């Protein structure tokens, strides 16, 4: 009988672990989905032809994304702590620091060519950065961290890797938006 009760206890532990594991997977998938939604929002904000608006909007989008991920993982949120991490991560990546983003954003003030340069570069940077920030925080939260104990130096390599993936995702988002815009323009064109 003792063996039977141990087996039942082991089965119960296995089932509990399986449920907990499926909850972890569901939460991670939900986090991934949220990140991708915020990447789309960042790409859209970066397309706006107003200098510096794009940077402010993308920063706000990233803060909101981390707030939602914090809620998903049941950790407290601090805008100041997250803002500092975002600045530190973005400041040292592949020459796309805050200064470079500001310079690219300011090119939108130059009629014609400046706006085109900003439209080409800024969506990739904004989308890539949003994806990388989101993925870095998601990984950190999955490992039991909070916004208060995020170690920028230990996460920098991961951020850079995710930034490159994020730029590719941003390019896809931008291409899809362009395609949908062209389709909408075609549908609205008067018949001859």
Protein backbone atom coordinates (compact mmCIF):
# COMPACT_ATOMS: atom_id res chain seq x y z
CA UNK A 1 0.00 0.00 0.00
CA UNK A 2 2.80 2.40 0.83
CA UNK A 3 4.16 1.90 -2.69
CA UNK A 4 0.78 2.72 -4.19
CA UNK A 5 0.50 5.94 -2.20
CA UNK A 6 4.04 6.94 -3.29
CA UNK A 7 3.15 6.28 -6.90
CA UNK A 8 0.02 8.38 -6.55
CA UNK A 9 2.08 11.16 -4.97
CA UNK A 10 4.63 10.94 -7.79
CA UNK A 11 1.86 11.06 -10.38
CA UNK A 12 0.33 14.09 -8.66
CA UNK A 13 3.73 15.84 -8.63
CA UNK A 14 4.20 15.04 -12.32
CA UNK A 15 0.75 16.41 -13.17
CA UNK A 16 1.39 19.55 -11.11
CA UNK A 17 4.73 20.05 -12.85
CA UNK A 18 3.08 19.53 -16.24
CA UNK A 19 0.42 22.13 -15.48
CA UNK A 20 3.03 24.56 -14.17
CA UNK A 21 5.14 23.89 -17.27
CA UNK A 22 2.22 24.54 -19.60
CA UNK A 23 1.49 27.77 -17.71
CA UNK A 24 5.11 28.84 -18.22
CA UNK A 25 4.90 28.04 -21.93
CA UNK A 26 1.59 29.90 -22.28
CA UNK A 27 3.04 32.92 -20.48
CA UNK A 28 6.17 32.90 -22.65
CA UNK A 29 4.05 32.65 -25.82
CA UNK A 30 1.85 35.49 -24.61
CA UNK A 31 4.97 37.54 -23.95
CA UNK A 32 6.27 36.83 -27.47
CA UNK A 33 2.94 37.89 -28.93
CA UNK A 34 2.98 41.12 -26.94
CA UNK A 35 6.51 41.90 -28.08
CA UNK A 36 5.60 41.43 -31.75
CA UNK A 37 2.57 43.70 -31.35
CA UNK A 38 4.74 46.41 -29.85
CA UNK A 39 7.30 46.00 -32.66
CA UNK A 40 4.50 46.76 -35.14
CA UNK A 41 3.56 49.85 -33.13
CA UNK A 42 7.20 50.99 -33.02
CA UNK A 43 7.62 50.61 -36.77
CA UNK A 44 4.43 52.62 -37.32
CA UNK A 45 5.59 55.35 -34.94
CA UNK A 46 8.98 55.52 -36.68
CA UNK A 47 7.32 56.19 -40.02
CA UNK A 48 5.72 59.42 -38.79
CA UNK A 49 7.57 62.22 -40.59
CA UNK A 50 7.90 64.48 -37.53
CA UNK A 51 11.47 64.72 -36.18
CA UNK A 52 11.95 63.51 -32.58
CA UNK A 53 8.30 62.45 -32.30
CA UNK A 54 9.36 58.99 -33.41
CA UNK A 55 11.91 58.65 -30.60
CA UNK A 56 9.47 59.82 -27.94
CA UNK A 57 6.74 57.54 -29.29
CA UNK A 58 9.02 54.49 -29.52
CA UNK A 59 10.28 55.06 -25.98
CA UNK A 60 6.69 55.27 -24.72
CA UNK A 61 5.81 52.11 -26.64
CA UNK A 62 8.77 50.24 -25.14
CA UNK A 63 7.89 51.39 -21.62
CA UNK A 64 4.31 50.22 -22.08
CA UNK A 65 5.54 46.88 -23.44
CA UNK A 66 7.75 46.26 -20.40
CA UNK A 67 4.90 47.32 -18.12
CA UNK A 68 2.66 44.69 -19.75
CA UNK A 69 5.40 42.04 -19.54
CA UNK A 70 5.91 42.93 -15.86
CA UNK A 71 2.20 42.40 -15.27
CA UNK A 72 2.32 39.10 -17.15
CA UNK A 73 5.12 37.87 -14.89
CA UNK A 74 3.65 39.38 -11.72
CA UNK A 75 6.59 41.68 -11.03
CA UNK A 76 6.43 45.35 -9.99
CA UNK A 77 7.07 47.99 -12.64
CA UNK A 78 9.17 51.16 -12.38
CA UNK A 79 9.25 53.53 -15.33
CA UNK A 80 12.50 55.10 -14.12
CA UNK A 81 14.30 51.75 -13.78
CA UNK A 82 13.10 50.56 -17.20
CA UNK A 83 13.89 53.88 -18.89
CA UNK A 84 17.47 53.67 -17.56
CA UNK A 85 17.87 50.12 -18.86
CA UNK A 86 16.46 50.98 -22.28
CA UNK A 87 18.85 53.92 -22.59
CA UNK A 88 21.83 51.83 -21.45
CA UNK A 89 21.04 48.95 -23.81
CA UNK A 90 20.35 51.14 -26.84
CA UNK A 91 23.30 53.42 -26.10
CA UNK A 92 25.95 50.84 -26.81
CA UNK A 93 24.66 48.78 -29.70
CA UNK A 94 26.38 48.74 -33.08
CA UNK A 95 26.56 52.50 -33.42
CA UNK A 96 22.80 52.86 -33.06
CA UNK A 97 23.00 54.71 -29.81
CA UNK A 98 20.64 57.42 -28.72
CA UNK A 99 22.71 60.05 -30.55
CA UNK A 100 22.52 58.17 -33.83
CA UNK A 101 18.76 57.70 -33.46
CA UNK A 102 18.33 61.43 -32.78
CA UNK A 103 20.44 62.28 -35.84
CA UNK A 104 18.42 59.94 -38.07
CA UNK A 105 15.19 61.35 -36.68
CA UNK A 106 16.35 64.91 -37.31
CA UNK A 107 17.03 64.12 -40.98
CA UNK A 108 13.26 64.03 -41.39
CA UNK A 109 13.34 67.83 -41.10
CA UNK A 110 15.26 68.05 -44.38
CA UNK A 111 12.72 68.29 -47.21
CA UNK A 112 12.69 65.41 -49.66
CA UNK A 113 15.84 63.37 -49.18
CA UNK A 114 15.96 63.77 -45.40
CA UNK A 115 12.48 62.40 -44.97
CA UNK A 116 13.32 59.47 -47.25
CA UNK A 117 16.49 58.67 -45.26
CA UNK A 118 14.53 58.75 -42.02
CA UNK A 119 11.84 56.51 -43.49
CA UNK A 120 14.41 53.93 -44.54
CA UNK A 121 16.48 53.81 -41.36
CA UNK A 122 14.26 54.68 -38.42
CA UNK A 123 11.66 51.85 -38.69
CA UNK A 124 14.41 49.20 -38.64
CA UNK A 125 16.10 50.79 -35.65
CA UNK A 126 12.83 51.31 -33.78
CA UNK A 127 11.51 47.83 -34.49
CA UNK A 128 14.84 46.15 -33.81
CA UNK A 129 15.30 47.99 -30.55
CA UNK A 130 11.75 47.27 -29.38
CA UNK A 131 12.13 43.58 -30.19
CA UNK A 132 15.50 43.37 -28.44
CA UNK A 133 14.33 45.21 -25.32
CA UNK A 134 11.25 43.03 -25.12
CA UNK A 135 13.17 39.79 -25.62
CA UNK A 136 15.80 40.81 -23.05
CA UNK A 137 13.16 41.56 -20.43
CA UNK A 138 11.21 38.41 -21.31
CA UNK A 139 14.34 36.31 -20.77
CA UNK A 140 15.09 38.17 -17.54
CA UNK A 141 11.55 37.66 -16.21
CA UNK A 142 11.60 33.97 -17.19
CA UNK A 143 14.75 33.61 -15.09
CA UNK A 144 12.94 35.13 -12.09
CA UNK A 145 14.26 38.68 -12.38
CA UNK A 146 12.48 41.98 -11.86
CA UNK A 147 12.87 45.43 -13.39
CA UNK A 148 14.98 46.39 -10.38
CA UNK A 149 17.70 43.73 -10.81
CA UNK A 150 18.21 43.85 -14.58
CA UNK A 151 21.96 43.63 -15.31
CA UNK A 152 22.64 45.51 -18.53
CA UNK A 153 26.21 44.26 -18.92
CA UNK A 154 25.30 40.58 -18.67
CA UNK A 155 22.41 41.07 -21.12
CA UNK A 156 24.21 43.24 -23.69
CA UNK A 157 25.30 40.37 -25.96
CA UNK A 158 21.80 38.88 -25.94
CA UNK A 159 20.33 42.31 -26.68
CA UNK A 160 22.65 42.77 -29.67
CA UNK A 161 21.69 39.35 -31.04
CA UNK A 162 17.99 40.10 -30.62
CA UNK A 163 18.44 43.56 -32.14
CA UNK A 164 19.61 41.98 -35.40
CA UNK A 165 16.63 39.61 -35.39
CA UNK A 166 14.35 42.52 -34.58
CA UNK A 167 15.61 44.57 -37.52
CA UNK A 168 14.66 41.69 -39.83
CA UNK A 169 11.22 41.47 -38.22
CA UNK A 170 10.80 45.24 -38.55
CA UNK A 171 11.68 45.03 -42.25
CA UNK A 172 8.97 42.39 -42.71
CA UNK A 173 6.46 44.54 -40.83
CA UNK A 174 7.33 47.57 -42.95
CA UNK A 175 7.08 45.56 -46.18
CA UNK A 176 3.70 44.15 -45.16
CA UNK A 177 2.43 47.65 -44.31
CA UNK A 178 3.66 48.93 -47.67
CA UNK A 179 1.94 46.03 -49.44
CA UNK A 180 -1.35 46.65 -47.64
CA UNK A 181 -1.13 50.36 -48.39
CA UNK A 182 -0.58 49.64 -52.09
CA UNK A 183 -3.52 47.22 -52.11
CA UNK A 184 -5.73 49.81 -50.44
CA UNK A 185 -4.65 52.46 -52.95
CA UNK A 186 -5.43 50.05 -55.82
CA UNK A 187 -8.90 49.28 -54.43
CA UNK A 188 -9.67 53.00 -54.04
CA UNK A 189 -8.50 53.91 -57.55
CA UNK A 190 -11.40 54.91 -59.79
CA UNK A 191 -12.25 52.51 -62.58
CA UNK A 192 -11.47 53.84 -66.04
